[in-house]
Amino acid sequence: MRVLLILSFLLLFNCEDKQTKPKPVEKKVVKIDTIIPKAEEIVIEIDSSKLTLEERYLPLNDDNAMDFFAEYGKINKENKVRIYTQYGNIDLELFNNVQYHRANFIFLTKNKAFDGTQFHRVVKNFVIQGGNSDEPEVLKKRRKMGRYLLPPDVRHGYKHKRGVISIPSGEIKNAYKLASPFEFFITQSNQFHLDGEYTAFGRVTSGMEVVDKIAEQEVDGGHWPMHNIYIDKVVVID
C-alpha cells in the first residue's frame, strides 16, 4: 500500500510539473532594412576675383603658361637677380623685352625653384648649365608649379656673347627631352652658333670670374662635375 502511494505521489508531482512549466518564448527575427541616404551634391561657387594669380593658374601647362606669365610680368617687374654659389655670386640683368622668359625666371626665383639645384653640365670655354636637380624637395615644388615649355623669342637680336644667360626653346624637336623652363645656361665665351636656336634673355653684370671658376672644375665624360656644384639660392635684387 505504501508503495502505491509513493508512485501516485510521484505521478501527481510529474503531472503538475508539466502543467506549470512555462512554455519557451519564441524568438522572432525581425529584419530591418537600413536605408542610407544618398549624399547630396554641394556646389560651391568661388569668386575668382578673390583668388591670387597663382591660385587661378597653377599648376601651369602648355595651354595656360603664356597667359599666366603675361599677367605675372605686369605685376612683377623686377629684372635683376643674384645667384649664390660656393665659388661666389653671379649677378644677372634680365632683358625686359624678352618678357615671358624674364617673368618665368623671376617667378621661379621668388618661389625658390632654383635653391638647392646644381650646375649639372659644365663645358669649359663653352657654357655652364644650371637648374637641374633630383632632390625630392625641389621636385615636389616643381610639380606644384606644373609642366610647361616656353616658346622661343629670338626677335630682339640678342647674341650669345660671353656672359649671356639663355634657355633652350620649346619648338626644338623633342623639346621636353631637351628644354626645361627650370634650367638655364651661361655662356663662358662667344657662341654665336646658338643664335636663333636658343633664347638669350639676360646677361651677367657681375661675377664672370665665378663663371670661369665653375667652368674650370673637373667633370666626367658627360660633362657632369665630379664634385657637385650647388646653387645655394637665387634672389631678386634691386
Protein backbone atom coordinates (compact mmCIF):
# COMPACT_ATOMS: atom_id res chain seq x y z
CA MET A 1 0.00 0.00 0.00
CA ARG A 2 2.84 2.35 0.88
CA VAL A 3 4.48 1.68 -2.48
CA LEU A 4 1.34 2.58 -4.39
CA LEU A 5 1.00 5.84 -2.51
CA ILE A 6 4.57 6.83 -3.38
CA LEU A 7 4.05 6.07 -7.02
CA SER A 8 0.83 8.02 -7.05
CA PHE A 9 2.58 10.97 -5.45
CA LEU A 10 5.36 10.86 -8.00
CA LEU A 11 2.92 10.68 -10.86
CA LEU A 12 0.98 13.59 -9.46
CA PHE A 13 4.17 15.63 -9.00
CA ASN A 14 5.28 14.94 -12.54
CA CYS A 15 1.89 15.92 -13.95
CA GLU A 16 1.82 19.15 -12.01
CA ASP A 17 5.36 19.92 -13.09
CA LYS A 18 4.47 19.52 -16.76
CA GLN A 19 1.41 21.70 -16.34
CA THR A 20 3.20 24.53 -14.53
CA LYS A 21 6.41 24.58 -16.60
CA PRO A 22 6.35 27.78 -18.69
CA LYS A 23 6.43 27.49 -22.42
CA PRO A 24 9.65 28.63 -24.07
CA VAL A 25 9.49 32.08 -25.58
CA GLU A 26 9.73 32.00 -29.32
CA LYS A 27 12.37 34.33 -30.67
CA LYS A 28 11.33 36.14 -33.78
CA VAL A 29 13.98 37.69 -36.03
CA VAL A 30 12.75 40.96 -37.38
CA LYS A 31 14.66 42.08 -40.46
CA ILE A 32 15.08 45.83 -40.65
CA ASP A 33 16.22 47.33 -43.92
CA THR A 34 18.84 50.00 -43.33
CA ILE A 35 18.30 52.95 -45.59
CA ILE A 36 21.40 55.04 -46.27
CA PRO A 37 20.51 58.46 -47.60
CA LYS A 38 22.27 59.47 -50.81
CA ALA A 39 24.95 62.11 -50.46
CA GLU A 40 23.78 65.44 -51.73
CA GLU A 41 25.94 67.20 -54.28
CA ILE A 42 27.15 70.50 -52.94
CA VAL A 43 28.29 73.09 -55.43
CA ILE A 44 30.43 75.87 -54.04
CA GLU A 45 30.87 78.90 -56.22
CA ILE A 46 34.21 80.65 -55.81
CA ASP A 47 34.67 84.27 -56.73
CA SER A 48 37.75 84.11 -58.96
CA SER A 49 38.40 87.80 -58.41
CA LYS A 50 39.39 86.99 -54.84
CA LEU A 51 41.96 84.35 -55.85
CA THR A 52 45.63 85.12 -56.30
CA LEU A 53 47.18 84.82 -59.73
CA GLU A 54 48.87 81.56 -58.73
CA GLU A 55 45.60 80.13 -57.36
CA ARG A 56 43.89 80.83 -60.66
CA TYR A 57 46.55 79.27 -62.88
CA LEU A 58 48.72 76.74 -61.07
CA PRO A 59 49.71 74.10 -61.94
CA LEU A 60 50.91 75.53 -65.24
CA ASN A 61 50.79 73.68 -68.54
CA ASP A 62 51.45 74.44 -72.19
CA ASP A 63 47.94 75.86 -72.58
CA ASN A 64 47.92 78.39 -69.76
CA ALA A 65 51.58 79.25 -69.11
CA MET A 66 51.79 82.14 -71.55
CA ASP A 67 48.63 83.80 -70.21
CA PHE A 68 49.97 83.39 -66.68
CA PHE A 69 53.36 84.95 -67.46
CA ALA A 70 51.74 87.81 -69.39
CA GLU A 71 49.87 88.76 -66.21
CA TYR A 72 52.69 87.87 -63.85
CA GLY A 73 55.17 90.05 -65.73
CA LYS A 74 52.93 93.11 -65.41
CA ILE A 75 52.78 92.71 -61.63
CA ASN A 76 56.37 91.57 -61.04
CA LYS A 77 58.62 93.94 -62.96
CA GLU A 78 61.96 93.06 -61.36
CA ASN A 79 64.80 92.18 -63.72
CA LYS A 80 67.86 91.73 -61.53
CA VAL A 81 68.80 88.55 -59.67
CA ARG A 82 71.78 87.13 -57.82
CA ILE A 83 72.94 83.52 -57.89
CA TYR A 84 74.76 82.37 -54.74
CA THR A 85 77.28 79.54 -55.09
CA GLN A 86 80.20 78.14 -53.11
CA TYR A 87 82.55 79.87 -55.56
CA GLY A 88 80.97 83.31 -55.24
CA ASN A 89 77.98 85.23 -56.56
CA ILE A 90 76.78 85.87 -60.10
CA ASP A 91 74.60 88.93 -60.74
CA LEU A 92 72.26 88.93 -63.73
CA GLU A 93 70.22 91.53 -65.56
CA LEU A 94 67.23 90.09 -67.42
CA PHE A 95 66.09 91.73 -70.66
CA ASN A 96 62.68 93.38 -70.22
CA ASN A 97 61.61 92.91 -73.83
CA VAL A 98 62.03 89.12 -73.60
CA GLN A 99 59.00 89.33 -71.38
CA TYR A 100 57.87 85.73 -70.91
CA HIS A 101 61.35 84.41 -70.15
CA ARG A 102 62.06 87.28 -67.75
CA ALA A 103 58.74 86.67 -65.98
CA ASN A 104 59.43 82.94 -65.84
CA PHE A 105 62.85 83.42 -64.24
CA ILE A 106 61.51 85.93 -61.69
CA PHE A 107 58.59 83.61 -60.88
CA LEU A 108 60.91 80.65 -60.30
CA THR A 109 63.31 82.78 -58.28
CA LYS A 110 60.57 84.09 -55.98
CA ASN A 111 59.25 80.56 -55.50
CA LYS A 112 62.76 79.27 -54.65
CA ALA A 113 62.72 76.80 -57.53
CA PHE A 114 66.48 77.17 -58.08
CA ASP A 115 67.51 76.88 -54.42
CA GLY A 116 69.41 73.66 -53.80
CA THR A 117 69.82 72.85 -57.51
CA GLN A 118 73.14 72.39 -59.28
CA PHE A 119 75.29 73.46 -62.17
CA HIS A 120 74.99 69.99 -63.62
CA ARG A 121 76.68 70.47 -67.01
CA VAL A 122 79.99 72.26 -67.29
CA VAL A 123 81.84 72.57 -70.61
CA LYS A 124 85.00 74.64 -70.38
CA ASN A 125 85.16 77.56 -72.85
CA PHE A 126 81.53 76.92 -73.76
CA VAL A 127 78.77 77.06 -71.11
CA ILE A 128 77.85 76.25 -67.54
CA GLN A 129 74.31 74.92 -67.29
CA GLY A 130 72.29 75.05 -64.08
CA GLY A 131 68.90 74.49 -62.52
CA ASN A 132 68.76 70.70 -62.62
CA SER A 133 68.12 68.61 -59.51
CA ASP A 134 66.84 65.23 -58.38
CA GLU A 135 66.32 66.37 -54.79
CA PRO A 136 62.82 65.32 -53.58
CA GLU A 137 62.01 68.73 -52.09
CA VAL A 138 62.94 70.51 -55.32
CA LEU A 139 60.90 68.09 -57.43
CA LYS A 140 57.94 68.47 -55.07
CA LYS A 141 57.97 72.26 -55.50
CA ARG A 142 58.21 71.96 -59.26
CA ARG A 143 55.29 69.55 -59.50
CA LYS A 144 53.12 72.20 -57.85
CA MET A 145 54.26 74.74 -60.44
CA GLY A 146 53.41 72.44 -63.34
CA ARG A 147 54.94 71.11 -66.54
CA TYR A 148 55.26 73.58 -69.37
CA LEU A 149 57.60 74.97 -72.01
CA LEU A 150 58.21 78.49 -73.26
CA PRO A 151 58.27 79.22 -76.99
CA PRO A 152 61.45 80.75 -78.41
CA ASP A 153 61.81 84.52 -78.50
CA VAL A 154 64.71 85.48 -80.76
CA ARG A 155 63.14 88.60 -82.28
CA HIS A 156 65.33 91.10 -80.48
CA GLY A 157 68.66 90.15 -81.98
CA TYR A 158 70.49 89.32 -78.76
CA LYS A 159 73.69 87.43 -79.48
CA HIS A 160 75.15 84.64 -77.43
CA LYS A 161 78.16 86.66 -76.32
CA ARG A 162 80.31 85.82 -73.32
CA GLY A 163 78.21 86.17 -70.17
CA VAL A 164 74.75 85.74 -71.72
CA ILE A 165 72.10 83.72 -69.89
CA SER A 166 69.94 81.66 -72.22
CA ILE A 167 67.44 78.83 -72.27
CA PRO A 168 66.53 76.03 -74.70
CA SER A 169 63.33 76.83 -76.60
CA GLY A 170 60.06 74.94 -76.79
CA GLU A 171 59.96 74.47 -80.55
CA ILE A 172 63.13 72.37 -80.66
CA LYS A 173 62.42 68.82 -81.80
CA ASN A 174 61.59 66.57 -78.83
CA ALA A 175 61.53 69.71 -76.72
CA TYR A 176 60.61 68.03 -73.44
CA LYS A 177 63.77 65.95 -73.68
CA LEU A 178 65.97 68.95 -74.38
CA ALA A 179 64.32 72.01 -72.86
CA SER A 180 63.09 72.96 -69.44
CA PRO A 181 61.93 76.32 -68.07
CA PHE A 182 63.67 75.34 -64.82
CA GLU A 183 67.11 75.19 -66.46
CA PHE A 184 69.39 77.84 -67.94
CA PHE A 185 72.94 78.20 -69.17
CA ILE A 186 75.52 80.97 -69.09
CA THR A 187 77.99 81.28 -71.95
CA GLN A 188 81.66 81.43 -70.96
CA SER A 189 82.70 82.63 -74.40
CA ASN A 190 81.06 83.90 -77.58
CA GLN A 191 78.80 81.20 -79.01
CA PHE A 192 77.06 82.83 -81.94
CA HIS A 193 76.07 79.50 -83.48
CA LEU A 194 73.41 79.29 -80.74
CA ASP A 195 71.65 82.42 -82.03
CA GLY A 196 68.18 81.67 -83.33
CA GLU A 197 68.07 78.25 -81.65
CA TYR A 198 68.12 79.33 -78.02
CA THR A 199 66.56 82.34 -76.32
CA ALA A 200 69.05 84.78 -74.79
CA PHE A 201 67.13 86.62 -72.08
CA GLY A 202 69.75 88.29 -69.90
CA ARG A 203 73.41 88.91 -69.16
CA VAL A 204 75.94 88.69 -66.33
CA THR A 205 76.64 92.11 -64.84
CA SER A 206 78.98 90.92 -62.10
CA GLY A 207 80.66 87.62 -61.30
CA MET A 208 82.06 86.37 -64.61
CA GLU A 209 85.14 85.30 -62.64
CA VAL A 210 82.79 82.93 -60.77
CA VAL A 211 81.51 81.55 -64.08
CA ASP A 212 85.13 80.98 -65.15
CA LYS A 213 85.94 79.28 -61.84
CA ILE A 214 82.98 76.92 -62.18
CA ALA A 215 83.99 76.15 -65.77
CA GLU A 216 87.43 75.08 -64.50
CA GLN A 217 86.04 72.30 -62.30
CA GLU A 218 86.79 68.68 -63.13
CA VAL A 219 83.99 66.83 -64.95
CA ASP A 220 83.25 63.32 -66.13
CA GLY A 221 82.70 62.15 -69.71
CA GLY A 222 79.17 63.56 -69.69
CA HIS A 223 80.34 66.99 -68.50
CA TRP A 224 78.83 66.39 -65.06
CA PRO A 225 81.09 67.91 -62.35
CA MET A 226 82.99 65.32 -60.34
CA HIS A 227 82.03 67.28 -57.23
CA ASN A 228 78.53 68.75 -57.04
CA ILE A 229 78.36 72.49 -57.68
CA TYR A 230 75.30 73.70 -55.81
CA ILE A 231 73.26 76.80 -56.38
CA ASP A 232 72.67 77.76 -52.77
CA LYS A 233 69.92 80.20 -53.66
CA VAL A 234 68.77 82.74 -56.23
CA VAL A 235 67.23 86.01 -55.08
CA VAL A 236 65.79 89.15 -56.64
CA ILE A 237 67.97 92.23 -56.01
CA ASP A 238 67.45 95.95 -56.53
